[in-house]
Amino acid sequence: MIDKPLSPSLPTPVRRAIEKLGADLALARRRRHLTQASMAERLRVSEATVRRMEHGDSGISLGTIAQAFFVLGELDKINRLLDSAADDIGLSLMNAQLPLRVRKKRIKSDSGVL
């Protein structure tokens, strides 16, 4: 069988991150003494899908990956992936757009009388 690139269209850092995630999921599964067959059963997917996920296939759905985190007891890590309160880049961009000073708004009279 010829090994083909998993996702040649993805940037190399993205592909490596997905492959690392797959390897980490495989390690977490093995540490819990779960077979690929039992993991597949719990995820309601085929064993081939579990193998693809563990090899870093980018075609695996986010739902399946989230379910794997749940099965492994690590769902809270998905909740913290891009927590807006800890988004340093986003917060820096927002702070750069803040006005230098804030003025009280003028209240205009509707009656036209001064």
PDB file of N, CA and C in Angstrom:
ATOM      1  N   MET A   1       0.845  -1.174   0.000  1.00  0.00           N
ATOM      2  CA  MET A   1       0.000   0.000   0.000  1.00  0.00           C
ATOM      3  C   MET A   1       0.893   1.240   0.000  1.00  0.00           C
ATOM      4  N   ILE A   2       0.605   2.183  -0.852  1.00  0.00           N
ATOM      5  CA  ILE A   2       1.388   3.404  -0.961  1.00  0.00           C
ATOM      6  C   ILE A   2       0.826   4.437  -0.009  1.00  0.00           C
ATOM      7  N   ASP A   3       1.725   5.027   0.806  1.00  0.00           N
ATOM      8  CA  ASP A   3       1.287   6.086   1.712  1.00  0.00           C
ATOM      9  C   ASP A   3       1.100   7.367   0.926  1.00  0.00           C
ATOM     10  N   LYS A   4      -0.053   7.938   1.043  1.00  0.00           N
ATOM     11  CA  LYS A   4      -0.311   9.212   0.382  1.00  0.00           C
ATOM     12  C   LYS A   4      -0.391  10.303   1.443  1.00  0.00           C
ATOM     13  N   PRO A   5      -0.091  11.535   1.076  1.00  0.00           N
ATOM     14  CA  PRO A   5      -0.233  12.608   2.063  1.00  0.00           C
ATOM     15  C   PRO A   5      -1.673  12.701   2.535  1.00  0.00           C
ATOM     16  N   LEU A   6      -1.858  12.887   3.836  1.00  0.00           N
ATOM     17  CA  LEU A   6      -3.209  12.918   4.386  1.00  0.00           C
ATOM     18  C   LEU A   6      -3.997  14.115   3.889  1.00  0.00           C
ATOM     19  N   SER A   7      -3.395  15.277   3.848  1.00  0.00           N
ATOM     20  CA  SER A   7      -4.082  16.479   3.396  1.00  0.00           C
ATOM     21  C   SER A   7      -3.070  17.420   2.749  1.00  0.00           C
ATOM     22  N   PRO A   8      -2.749  17.180   1.491  1.00  0.00           N
ATOM     23  CA  PRO A   8      -1.725  18.011   0.863  1.00  0.00           C
ATOM     24  C   PRO A   8      -2.137  19.473   0.728  1.00  0.00           C
ATOM     25  N   SER A   9      -3.424  19.753   0.773  1.00  0.00           N
ATOM     26  CA  SER A   9      -3.865  21.135   0.609  1.00  0.00           C
ATOM     27  C   SER A   9      -3.765  21.949   1.903  1.00  0.00           C
ATOM     28  N   LEU A  10      -3.594  21.287   3.027  1.00  0.00           N
ATOM     29  CA  LEU A  10      -3.487  21.994   4.304  1.00  0.00           C
ATOM     30  C   LEU A  10      -2.067  22.514   4.496  1.00  0.00           C
ATOM     31  N   PRO A  11      -1.925  23.677   5.126  1.00  0.00           N
ATOM     32  CA  PRO A  11      -0.577  24.145   5.462  1.00  0.00           C
ATOM     33  C   PRO A  11       0.105  23.139   6.397  1.00  0.00           C
ATOM     34  N   THR A  12       1.398  23.021   6.254  1.00  0.00           N
ATOM     35  CA  THR A  12       2.169  22.047   7.032  1.00  0.00           C
ATOM     36  C   THR A  12       1.928  22.161   8.534  1.00  0.00           C
ATOM     37  N   PRO A  13       1.931  23.365   9.139  1.00  0.00           N
ATOM     38  CA  PRO A  13       1.688  23.425  10.593  1.00  0.00           C
ATOM     39  C   PRO A  13       0.312  22.899  10.990  1.00  0.00           C
ATOM     40  N   VAL A  14      -0.685  23.128  10.145  1.00  0.00           N
ATOM     41  CA  VAL A  14      -2.043  22.635  10.436  1.00  0.00           C
ATOM     42  C   VAL A  14      -2.060  21.119  10.350  1.00  0.00           C
ATOM     43  N   ARG A  15      -1.466  20.585   9.287  1.00  0.00           N
ATOM     44  CA  ARG A  15      -1.424  19.133   9.112  1.00  0.00           C
ATOM     45  C   ARG A  15      -0.711  18.472  10.292  1.00  0.00           C
ATOM     46  N   ARG A  16       0.415  19.059  10.723  1.00  0.00           N
ATOM     47  CA  ARG A  16       1.162  18.495  11.852  1.00  0.00           C
ATOM     48  C   ARG A  16       0.350  18.552  13.146  1.00  0.00           C
ATOM     49  N   ALA A  17      -0.384  19.631  13.348  1.00  0.00           N
ATOM     50  CA  ALA A  17      -1.211  19.764  14.558  1.00  0.00           C
ATOM     51  C   ALA A  17      -2.299  18.699  14.578  1.00  0.00           C
ATOM     52  N   ILE A  18      -2.913  18.440  13.428  1.00  0.00           N
ATOM     53  CA  ILE A  18      -3.970  17.424  13.352  1.00  0.00           C
ATOM     54  C   ILE A  18      -3.377  16.031  13.570  1.00  0.00           C
ATOM     55  N   GLU A  19      -2.196  15.795  13.006  1.00  0.00           N
ATOM     56  CA  GLU A  19      -1.541  14.497  13.213  1.00  0.00           C
ATOM     57  C   GLU A  19      -1.173  14.307  14.679  1.00  0.00           C
ATOM     58  N   LYS A  20      -0.704  15.363  15.336  1.00  0.00           N
ATOM     59  CA  LYS A  20      -0.381  15.287  16.765  1.00  0.00           C
ATOM     60  C   LYS A  20      -1.634  15.018  17.589  1.00  0.00           C
ATOM     61  N   LEU A  21      -2.733  15.695  17.250  1.00  0.00           N
ATOM     62  CA  LEU A  21      -3.992  15.459  17.956  1.00  0.00           C
ATOM     63  C   LEU A  21      -4.404  13.996  17.827  1.00  0.00           C
ATOM     64  N   GLY A  22      -4.289  13.440  16.625  1.00  0.00           N
ATOM     65  CA  GLY A  22      -4.625  12.033  16.412  1.00  0.00           C
ATOM     66  C   GLY A  22      -3.754  11.109  17.249  1.00  0.00           C
ATOM     67  N   ALA A  23      -2.451  11.387  17.262  1.00  0.00           N
ATOM     68  CA  ALA A  23      -1.529  10.567  18.055  1.00  0.00           C
ATOM     69  C   ALA A  23      -1.845  10.685  19.549  1.00  0.00           C
ATOM     70  N   ASP A  24      -2.191  11.894  19.983  1.00  0.00           N
ATOM     71  CA  ASP A  24      -2.542  12.098  21.392  1.00  0.00           C
ATOM     72  C   ASP A  24      -3.835  11.372  21.752  1.00  0.00           C
ATOM     73  N   LEU A  25      -4.798  11.369  20.842  1.00  0.00           N
ATOM     74  CA  LEU A  25      -6.045  10.631  21.089  1.00  0.00           C
ATOM     75  C   LEU A  25      -5.761   9.130  21.189  1.00  0.00           C
ATOM     76  N   ALA A  26      -4.888   8.624  20.321  1.00  0.00           N
ATOM     77  CA  ALA A  26      -4.533   7.198  20.368  1.00  0.00           C
ATOM     78  C   ALA A  26      -3.853   6.860  21.689  1.00  0.00           C
ATOM     79  N   LEU A  27      -2.950   7.698  22.125  1.00  0.00           N
ATOM     80  CA  LEU A  27      -2.249   7.466  23.391  1.00  0.00           C
ATOM     81  C   LEU A  27      -3.224   7.504  24.571  1.00  0.00           C
ATOM     82  N   ALA A  28      -4.124   8.477  24.568  1.00  0.00           N
ATOM     83  CA  ALA A  28      -5.115   8.580  25.648  1.00  0.00           C
ATOM     84  C   ALA A  28      -6.016   7.349  25.667  1.00  0.00           C
ATOM     85  N   ARG A  29      -6.393   6.864  24.484  1.00  0.00           N
ATOM     86  CA  ARG A  29      -7.230   5.664  24.399  1.00  0.00           C
ATOM     87  C   ARG A  29      -6.492   4.466  24.982  1.00  0.00           C
ATOM     88  N   ARG A  30      -5.228   4.296  24.595  1.00  0.00           N
ATOM     89  CA  ARG A  30      -4.451   3.149  25.074  1.00  0.00           C
ATOM     90  C   ARG A  30      -4.197   3.238  26.574  1.00  0.00           C
ATOM     91  N   ARG A  31      -3.972   4.439  27.089  1.00  0.00           N
ATOM     92  CA  ARG A  31      -3.772   4.602  28.539  1.00  0.00           C
ATOM     93  C   ARG A  31      -5.011   4.175  29.330  1.00  0.00           C
ATOM     94  N   ARG A  32      -6.166   4.291  28.704  1.00  0.00           N
ATOM     95  CA  ARG A  32      -7.417   3.891  29.360  1.00  0.00           C
ATOM     96  C   ARG A  32      -7.763   2.435  29.065  1.00  0.00           C
ATOM     97  N   HIS A  33      -6.830   1.729  28.416  1.00  0.00           N
ATOM     98  CA  HIS A  33      -6.985   0.315  28.080  1.00  0.00           C
ATOM     99  C   HIS A  33      -8.224   0.071  27.218  1.00  0.00           C
ATOM    100  N   LEU A  34      -8.485   0.974  26.281  1.00  0.00           N
ATOM    101  CA  LEU A  34      -9.587   0.810  25.343  1.00  0.00           C
ATOM    102  C   LEU A  34      -9.031   0.335  24.006  1.00  0.00           C
ATOM    103  N   THR A  35      -9.663  -0.656  23.418  1.00  0.00           N
ATOM    104  CA  THR A  35      -9.269  -1.094  22.080  1.00  0.00           C
ATOM    105  C   THR A  35      -9.876  -0.146  21.059  1.00  0.00           C
ATOM    106  N   GLN A  36      -9.346  -0.198  19.835  1.00  0.00           N
ATOM    107  CA  GLN A  36      -9.942   0.608  18.774  1.00  0.00           C
ATOM    108  C   GLN A  36     -11.383   0.167  18.530  1.00  0.00           C
ATOM    109  N   ALA A  37     -11.649  -1.116  18.691  1.00  0.00           N
ATOM    110  CA  ALA A  37     -13.005  -1.624  18.488  1.00  0.00           C
ATOM    111  C   ALA A  37     -13.963  -1.049  19.534  1.00  0.00           C
ATOM    112  N   SER A  38     -13.547  -1.029  20.808  1.00  0.00           N
ATOM    113  CA  SER A  38     -14.444  -0.495  21.839  1.00  0.00           C
ATOM    114  C   SER A  38     -14.596   1.019  21.693  1.00  0.00           C
ATOM    115  N   MET A  39     -13.531   1.691  21.273  1.00  0.00           N
ATOM    116  CA  MET A  39     -13.627   3.137  21.031  1.00  0.00           C
ATOM    117  C   MET A  39     -14.599   3.402  19.891  1.00  0.00           C
ATOM    118  N   ALA A  40     -14.499   2.629  18.829  1.00  0.00           N
ATOM    119  CA  ALA A  40     -15.397   2.789  17.683  1.00  0.00           C
ATOM    120  C   ALA A  40     -16.848   2.567  18.100  1.00  0.00           C
ATOM    121  N   GLU A  41     -17.066   1.561  18.932  1.00  0.00           N
ATOM    122  CA  GLU A  41     -18.422   1.277  19.403  1.00  0.00           C
ATOM    123  C   GLU A  41     -18.970   2.452  20.215  1.00  0.00           C
ATOM    124  N   ARG A  42     -18.159   3.007  21.088  1.00  0.00           N
ATOM    125  CA  ARG A  42     -18.594   4.126  21.922  1.00  0.00           C
ATOM    126  C   ARG A  42     -18.824   5.397  21.093  1.00  0.00           C
ATOM    127  N   LEU A  43     -18.032   5.550  20.024  1.00  0.00           N
ATOM    128  CA  LEU A  43     -18.187   6.720  19.151  1.00  0.00           C
ATOM    129  C   LEU A  43     -19.282   6.516  18.105  1.00  0.00           C
ATOM    130  N   ARG A  44     -19.741   5.265  17.964  1.00  0.00           N
ATOM    131  CA  ARG A  44     -20.722   4.888  16.947  1.00  0.00           C
ATOM    132  C   ARG A  44     -20.183   5.138  15.540  1.00  0.00           C
ATOM    133  N   VAL A  45     -18.914   4.753  15.357  1.00  0.00           N
ATOM    134  CA  VAL A  45     -18.268   4.835  14.052  1.00  0.00           C
ATOM    135  C   VAL A  45     -17.557   3.504  13.801  1.00  0.00           C
ATOM    136  N   SER A  46     -16.979   3.357  12.623  1.00  0.00           N
ATOM    137  CA  SER A  46     -16.251   2.131  12.306  1.00  0.00           C
ATOM    138  C   SER A  46     -14.841   2.179  12.901  1.00  0.00           C
ATOM    139  N   GLU A  47     -14.234   0.996  13.003  1.00  0.00           N
ATOM    140  CA  GLU A  47     -12.847   0.944  13.462  1.00  0.00           C
ATOM    141  C   GLU A  47     -11.938   1.688  12.488  1.00  0.00           C
ATOM    142  N   ALA A  48     -12.262   1.644  11.219  1.00  0.00           N
ATOM    143  CA  ALA A  48     -11.464   2.353  10.209  1.00  0.00           C
ATOM    144  C   ALA A  48     -11.482   3.861  10.480  1.00  0.00           C
ATOM    145  N   THR A  49     -12.615   4.371  10.917  1.00  0.00           N
ATOM    146  CA  THR A  49     -12.708   5.802  11.238  1.00  0.00           C
ATOM    147  C   THR A  49     -11.838   6.137  12.441  1.00  0.00           C
ATOM    148  N   VAL A  50     -11.820   5.268  13.442  1.00  0.00           N
ATOM    149  CA  VAL A  50     -10.965   5.478  14.610  1.00  0.00           C
ATOM    150  C   VAL A  50      -9.501   5.473  14.175  1.00  0.00           C
ATOM    151  N   ARG A  51      -9.126   4.530  13.311  1.00  0.00           N
ATOM    152  CA  ARG A  51      -7.744   4.481  12.816  1.00  0.00           C
ATOM    153  C   ARG A  51      -7.398   5.765  12.058  1.00  0.00           C
ATOM    154  N   ARG A  52      -8.313   6.216  11.196  1.00  0.00           N
ATOM    155  CA  ARG A  52      -8.072   7.454  10.443  1.00  0.00           C
ATOM    156  C   ARG A  52      -7.921   8.642  11.386  1.00  0.00           C
ATOM    157  N   MET A  53      -8.770   8.713  12.406  1.00  0.00           N
ATOM    158  CA  MET A  53      -8.701   9.806  13.381  1.00  0.00           C
ATOM    159  C   MET A  53      -7.352   9.788  14.090  1.00  0.00           C
ATOM    160  N   GLU A  54      -6.920   8.606  14.494  1.00  0.00           N
ATOM    161  CA  GLU A  54      -5.670   8.475  15.232  1.00  0.00           C
ATOM    162  C   GLU A  54      -4.442   8.712  14.349  1.00  0.00           C
ATOM    163  N   HIS A  55      -4.609   8.640  13.052  1.00  0.00           N
ATOM    164  CA  HIS A  55      -3.511   8.940  12.120  1.00  0.00           C
ATOM    165  C   HIS A  55      -3.545  10.390  11.652  1.00  0.00           C
ATOM    166  N   GLY A  56      -4.498  11.166  12.161  1.00  0.00           N
ATOM    167  CA  GLY A  56      -4.531  12.586  11.837  1.00  0.00           C
ATOM    168  C   GLY A  56      -5.211  12.914  10.532  1.00  0.00           C
ATOM    169  N   ASP A  57      -6.175  12.115  10.130  1.00  0.00           N
ATOM    170  CA  ASP A  57      -6.934  12.388   8.902  1.00  0.00           C
ATOM    171  C   ASP A  57      -7.805  13.617   9.125  1.00  0.00           C
ATOM    172  N   SER A  58      -7.641  14.636   8.306  1.00  0.00           N
ATOM    173  CA  SER A  58      -8.394  15.883   8.479  1.00  0.00           C
ATOM    174  C   SER A  58      -9.849  15.759   8.040  1.00  0.00           C
ATOM    175  N   GLY A  59     -10.213  14.636   7.460  1.00  0.00           N
ATOM    176  CA  GLY A  59     -11.592  14.432   7.022  1.00  0.00           C
ATOM    177  C   GLY A  59     -12.523  13.951   8.128  1.00  0.00           C
ATOM    178  N   ILE A  60     -11.990  13.686   9.295  1.00  0.00           N
ATOM    179  CA  ILE A  60     -12.816  13.240  10.419  1.00  0.00           C
ATOM    180  C   ILE A  60     -13.613  14.436  10.932  1.00  0.00           C
ATOM    181  N   SER A  61     -14.892  14.239  11.175  1.00  0.00           N
ATOM    182  CA  SER A  61     -15.743  15.360  11.589  1.00  0.00           C
ATOM    183  C   SER A  61     -15.390  15.844  12.992  1.00  0.00           C
ATOM    184  N   LEU A  62     -15.632  17.118  13.192  1.00  0.00           N
ATOM    185  CA  LEU A  62     -15.408  17.714  14.510  1.00  0.00           C
ATOM    186  C   LEU A  62     -16.301  17.037  15.553  1.00  0.00           C
ATOM    187  N   GLY A  63     -17.499  16.633  15.148  1.00  0.00           N
ATOM    188  CA  GLY A  63     -18.401  15.937  16.063  1.00  0.00           C
ATOM    189  C   GLY A  63     -17.809  14.630  16.559  1.00  0.00           C
ATOM    190  N   THR A  64     -17.168  13.888  15.680  1.00  0.00           N
ATOM    191  CA  THR A  64     -16.539  12.622  16.065  1.00  0.00           C
ATOM    192  C   THR A  64     -15.377  12.878  17.014  1.00  0.00           C
ATOM    193  N   ILE A  65     -14.586  13.907  16.729  1.00  0.00           N
ATOM    194  CA  ILE A  65     -13.459  14.235  17.607  1.00  0.00           C
ATOM    195  C   ILE A  65     -13.964  14.685  18.980  1.00  0.00           C
ATOM    196  N   ALA A  66     -15.009  15.504  18.999  1.00  0.00           N
ATOM    197  CA  ALA A  66     -15.581  15.947  20.270  1.00  0.00           C
ATOM    198  C   ALA A  66     -16.132  14.754  21.047  1.00  0.00           C
ATOM    199  N   GLN A  67     -16.762  13.826  20.355  1.00  0.00           N
ATOM    200  CA  GLN A  67     -17.277  12.613  21.011  1.00  0.00           C
ATOM    201  C   GLN A  67     -16.125  11.799  21.596  1.00  0.00           C
ATOM    202  N   ALA A  68     -14.989  11.752  20.899  1.00  0.00           N
ATOM    203  CA  ALA A  68     -13.815  11.032  21.417  1.00  0.00           C
ATOM    204  C   ALA A  68     -13.321  11.689  22.707  1.00  0.00           C
ATOM    205  N   PHE A  69     -13.287  13.013  22.721  1.00  0.00           N
ATOM    206  CA  PHE A  69     -12.902  13.715  23.949  1.00  0.00           C
ATOM    207  C   PHE A  69     -13.860  13.365  25.086  1.00  0.00           C
ATOM    208  N   PHE A  70     -15.146  13.286  24.778  1.00  0.00           N
ATOM    209  CA  PHE A  70     -16.156  12.939  25.780  1.00  0.00           C
ATOM    210  C   PHE A  70     -15.916  11.527  26.320  1.00  0.00           C
ATOM    211  N   VAL A  71     -15.712  10.582  25.418  1.00  0.00           N
ATOM    212  CA  VAL A  71     -15.480   9.188  25.818  1.00  0.00           C
ATOM    213  C   VAL A  71     -14.241   9.079  26.693  1.00  0.00           C
ATOM    214  N   LEU A  72     -13.236   9.896  26.393  1.00  0.00           N
ATOM    215  CA  LEU A  72     -11.986   9.860  27.150  1.00  0.00           C
ATOM    216  C   LEU A  72     -12.052  10.686  28.438  1.00  0.00           C
ATOM    217  N   GLY A  73     -13.192  11.347  28.679  1.00  0.00           N
ATOM    218  CA  GLY A  73     -13.354  12.146  29.889  1.00  0.00           C
ATOM    219  C   GLY A  73     -12.632  13.481  29.826  1.00  0.00           C
ATOM    220  N   GLU A  74     -12.441  13.994  28.636  1.00  0.00           N
ATOM    221  CA  GLU A  74     -11.676  15.228  28.451  1.00  0.00           C
ATOM    222  C   GLU A  74     -12.460  16.307  27.700  1.00  0.00           C
ATOM    223  N   LEU A  75     -13.786  16.266  27.748  1.00  0.00           N
ATOM    224  CA  LEU A  75     -14.603  17.216  26.995  1.00  0.00           C
ATOM    225  C   LEU A  75     -14.348  18.659  27.403  1.00  0.00           C
ATOM    226  N   ASP A  76     -13.978  18.891  28.653  1.00  0.00           N
ATOM    227  CA  ASP A  76     -13.718  20.261  29.116  1.00  0.00           C
ATOM    228  C   ASP A  76     -12.589  20.917  28.317  1.00  0.00           C
ATOM    229  N   LYS A  77     -11.686  20.134  27.771  1.00  0.00           N
ATOM    230  CA  LYS A  77     -10.588  20.697  26.973  1.00  0.00           C
ATOM    231  C   LYS A  77     -11.096  21.302  25.668  1.00  0.00           C
ATOM    232  N   ILE A  78     -12.167  20.756  25.125  1.00  0.00           N
ATOM    233  CA  ILE A  78     -12.764  21.344  23.909  1.00  0.00           C
ATOM    234  C   ILE A  78     -13.363  22.710  24.255  1.00  0.00           C
ATOM    235  N   ASN A  79     -13.968  22.819  25.419  1.00  0.00           N
ATOM    236  CA  ASN A  79     -14.579  24.090  25.832  1.00  0.00           C
ATOM    237  C   ASN A  79     -13.545  25.201  25.988  1.00  0.00           C
ATOM    238  N   ARG A  80     -12.306  24.832  26.265  1.00  0.00           N
ATOM    239  CA  ARG A  80     -11.255  25.834  26.480  1.00  0.00           C
ATOM    240  C   ARG A  80     -10.401  26.093  25.246  1.00  0.00           C
ATOM    241  N   LEU A  81     -10.703  25.478  24.118  1.00  0.00           N
ATOM    242  CA  LEU A  81      -9.842  25.599  22.938  1.00  0.00           C
ATOM    243  C   LEU A  81      -9.605  27.040  22.507  1.00  0.00           C
ATOM    244  N   LEU A  82     -10.636  27.798  22.340  1.00  0.00           N
ATOM    245  CA  LEU A  82     -10.480  29.189  21.916  1.00  0.00           C
ATOM    246  C   LEU A  82     -11.388  30.058  22.776  1.00  0.00           C
ATOM    247  N   ASP A  83     -11.154  30.000  24.071  1.00  0.00           N
ATOM    248  CA  ASP A  83     -11.924  30.781  25.028  1.00  0.00           C
ATOM    249  C   ASP A  83     -11.702  32.260  24.744  1.00  0.00           C
ATOM    250  N   SER A  84     -12.773  32.991  24.492  1.00  0.00           N
ATOM    251  CA  SER A  84     -12.644  34.397  24.100  1.00  0.00           C
ATOM    252  C   SER A  84     -11.984  35.249  25.182  1.00  0.00           C
ATOM    253  N   ALA A  85     -12.108  34.872  26.434  1.00  0.00           N
ATOM    254  CA  ALA A  85     -11.467  35.637  27.507  1.00  0.00           C
ATOM    255  C   ALA A  85      -9.954  35.466  27.497  1.00  0.00           C
ATOM    256  N   ALA A  86      -9.473  34.390  26.882  1.00  0.00           N
ATOM    257  CA  ALA A  86      -8.039  34.136  26.823  1.00  0.00           C
ATOM    258  C   ALA A  86      -7.475  34.330  25.419  1.00  0.00           C
ATOM    259  N   ASP A  87      -8.232  34.970  24.551  1.00  0.00           N
ATOM    260  CA  ASP A  87      -7.812  35.211  23.161  1.00  0.00           C
ATOM    261  C   ASP A  87      -6.931  36.458  23.118  1.00  0.00           C
ATOM    262  N   ASP A  88      -5.656  36.284  23.368  1.00  0.00           N
ATOM    263  CA  ASP A  88      -4.731  37.411  23.469  1.00  0.00           C
ATOM    264  C   ASP A  88      -4.683  38.254  22.192  1.00  0.00           C
ATOM    265  N   ILE A  89      -4.675  37.607  21.039  1.00  0.00           N
ATOM    266  CA  ILE A  89      -4.623  38.359  19.783  1.00  0.00           C
ATOM    267  C   ILE A  89      -5.904  39.158  19.588  1.00  0.00           C
ATOM    268  N   GLY A  90      -7.043  38.521  19.787  1.00  0.00           N
ATOM    269  CA  GLY A  90      -8.327  39.217  19.638  1.00  0.00           C
ATOM    270  C   GLY A  90      -8.463  40.376  20.606  1.00  0.00           C
ATOM    271  N   LEU A  91      -8.048  40.159  21.851  1.00  0.00           N
ATOM    272  CA  LEU A  91      -8.129  41.229  22.845  1.00  0.00           C
ATOM    273  C   LEU A  91      -7.189  42.382  22.492  1.00  0.00           C
ATOM    274  N   SER A  92      -6.009  42.076  21.985  1.00  0.00           N
ATOM    275  CA  SER A  92      -5.073  43.125  21.571  1.00  0.00           C
ATOM    276  C   SER A  92      -5.644  43.942  20.424  1.00  0.00           C
ATOM    277  N   LEU A  93      -6.259  43.266  19.460  1.00  0.00           N
ATOM    278  CA  LEU A  93      -6.869  43.977  18.334  1.00  0.00           C
ATOM    279  C   LEU A  93      -8.006  44.883  18.799  1.00  0.00           C
ATOM    280  N   MET A  94      -8.820  44.375  19.714  1.00  0.00           N
ATOM    281  CA  MET A  94      -9.911  45.189  20.253  1.00  0.00           C
ATOM    282  C   MET A  94      -9.365  46.389  21.014  1.00  0.00           C
ATOM    283  N   ASN A  95      -8.349  46.173  21.828  1.00  0.00           N
ATOM    284  CA  ASN A  95      -7.764  47.266  22.600  1.00  0.00           C
ATOM    285  C   ASN A  95      -7.140  48.325  21.713  1.00  0.00           C
ATOM    286  N   ALA A  96      -6.586  47.927  20.582  1.00  0.00           N
ATOM    287  CA  ALA A  96      -5.977  48.885  19.656  1.00  0.00           C
ATOM    288  C   ALA A  96      -7.028  49.803  19.035  1.00  0.00           C
ATOM    289  N   GLN A  97      -8.281  49.362  19.008  1.00  0.00           N
ATOM    290  CA  GLN A  97      -9.355  50.147  18.403  1.00  0.00           C
ATOM    291  C   GLN A  97     -10.120  50.992  19.419  1.00  0.00           C
ATOM    292  N   LEU A  98      -9.734  50.930  20.669  1.00  0.00           N
ATOM    293  CA  LEU A  98     -10.428  51.726  21.687  1.00  0.00           C
ATOM    294  C   LEU A  98     -10.144  53.211  21.471  1.00  0.00           C
ATOM    295  N   PRO A  99     -11.147  54.070  21.714  1.00  0.00           N
ATOM    296  CA  PRO A  99     -10.900  55.505  21.570  1.00  0.00           C
ATOM    297  C   PRO A  99      -9.928  55.989  22.648  1.00  0.00           C
ATOM    298  N   LEU A 100      -9.208  57.058  22.317  1.00  0.00           N
ATOM    299  CA  LEU A 100      -8.264  57.609  23.289  1.00  0.00           C
ATOM    300  C   LEU A 100      -8.990  58.269  24.453  1.00  0.00           C
ATOM    301  N   ARG A 101     -10.128  58.898  24.161  1.00  0.00           N
ATOM    302  CA  ARG A 101     -10.938  59.465  25.243  1.00  0.00           C
ATOM    303  C   ARG A 101     -12.403  59.302  24.905  1.00  0.00           C
ATOM    304  N   VAL A 102     -13.187  59.348  25.931  1.00  0.00           N
ATOM    305  CA  VAL A 102     -14.629  59.192  25.791  1.00  0.00           C
ATOM    306  C   VAL A 102     -15.273  60.475  26.275  1.00  0.00           C
ATOM    307  N   ARG A 103     -16.127  61.049  25.433  1.00  0.00           N
ATOM    308  CA  ARG A 103     -16.801  62.300  25.791  1.00  0.00           C
ATOM    309  C   ARG A 103     -18.266  62.028  26.070  1.00  0.00           C
ATOM    310  N   LYS A 104     -18.792  62.859  26.921  1.00  0.00           N
ATOM    311  CA  LYS A 104     -20.211  62.784  27.218  1.00  0.00           C
ATOM    312  C   LYS A 104     -20.972  63.250  25.982  1.00  0.00           C
ATOM    313  N   LYS A 105     -22.030  62.540  25.631  1.00  0.00           N
ATOM    314  CA  LYS A 105     -22.818  62.917  24.454  1.00  0.00           C
ATOM    315  C   LYS A 105     -23.668  64.130  24.740  1.00  0.00           C
ATOM    316  N   ARG A 106     -23.768  64.962  23.734  1.00  0.00           N
ATOM    317  CA  ARG A 106     -24.646  66.139  23.856  1.00  0.00           C
ATOM    318  C   ARG A 106     -26.093  65.696  23.717  1.00  0.00           C
ATOM    319  N   ILE A 107     -26.920  66.255  24.522  1.00  0.00           N
ATOM    320  CA  ILE A 107     -28.348  65.979  24.442  1.00  0.00           C
ATOM    321  C   ILE A 107     -28.993  67.110  23.663  1.00  0.00           C
ATOM    322  N   LYS A 108     -29.602  66.751  22.548  1.00  0.00           N
ATOM    323  CA  LYS A 108     -30.249  67.764  21.703  1.00  0.00           C
ATOM    324  C   LYS A 108     -31.714  67.834  22.106  1.00  0.00           C
ATOM    325  N   SER A 109     -32.185  69.045  22.195  1.00  0.00           N
ATOM    326  CA  SER A 109     -33.576  69.269  22.554  1.00  0.00           C
ATOM    327  C   SER A 109     -34.448  69.074  21.311  1.00  0.00           C
ATOM    328  N   ASP A 110     -35.538  68.352  21.478  1.00  0.00           N
ATOM    329  CA  ASP A 110     -36.459  68.121  20.354  1.00  0.00           C
ATOM    330  C   ASP A 110     -37.377  69.314  20.118  1.00  0.00           C
ATOM    331  N   SER A 111     -37.553  70.166  21.101  1.00  0.00           N
ATOM    332  CA  SER A 111     -38.509  71.254  20.968  1.00  0.00           C
ATOM    333  C   SER A 111     -37.971  72.424  20.131  1.00  0.00           C
ATOM    334  N   GLY A 112     -36.688  72.515  19.995  1.00  0.00           N
ATOM    335  CA  GLY A 112     -36.110  73.606  19.247  1.00  0.00           C
ATOM    336  C   GLY A 112     -35.942  74.865  20.088  1.00  0.00           C
ATOM    337  N   VAL A 113     -36.412  74.845  21.310  1.00  0.00           N
ATOM    338  CA  VAL A 113     -36.271  75.983  22.187  1.00  0.00           C
ATOM    339  C   VAL A 113     -34.988  75.837  22.983  1.00  0.00           C
ATOM    340  N   LEU A 114     -34.262  76.938  23.121  1.00  0.00           N
ATOM    341  CA  LEU A 114     -33.014  76.895  23.879  1.00  0.00           C
ATOM    342  C   LEU A 114     -33.230  76.978  25.327  1.00  0.00           C
TER     343      LEU A 114
END
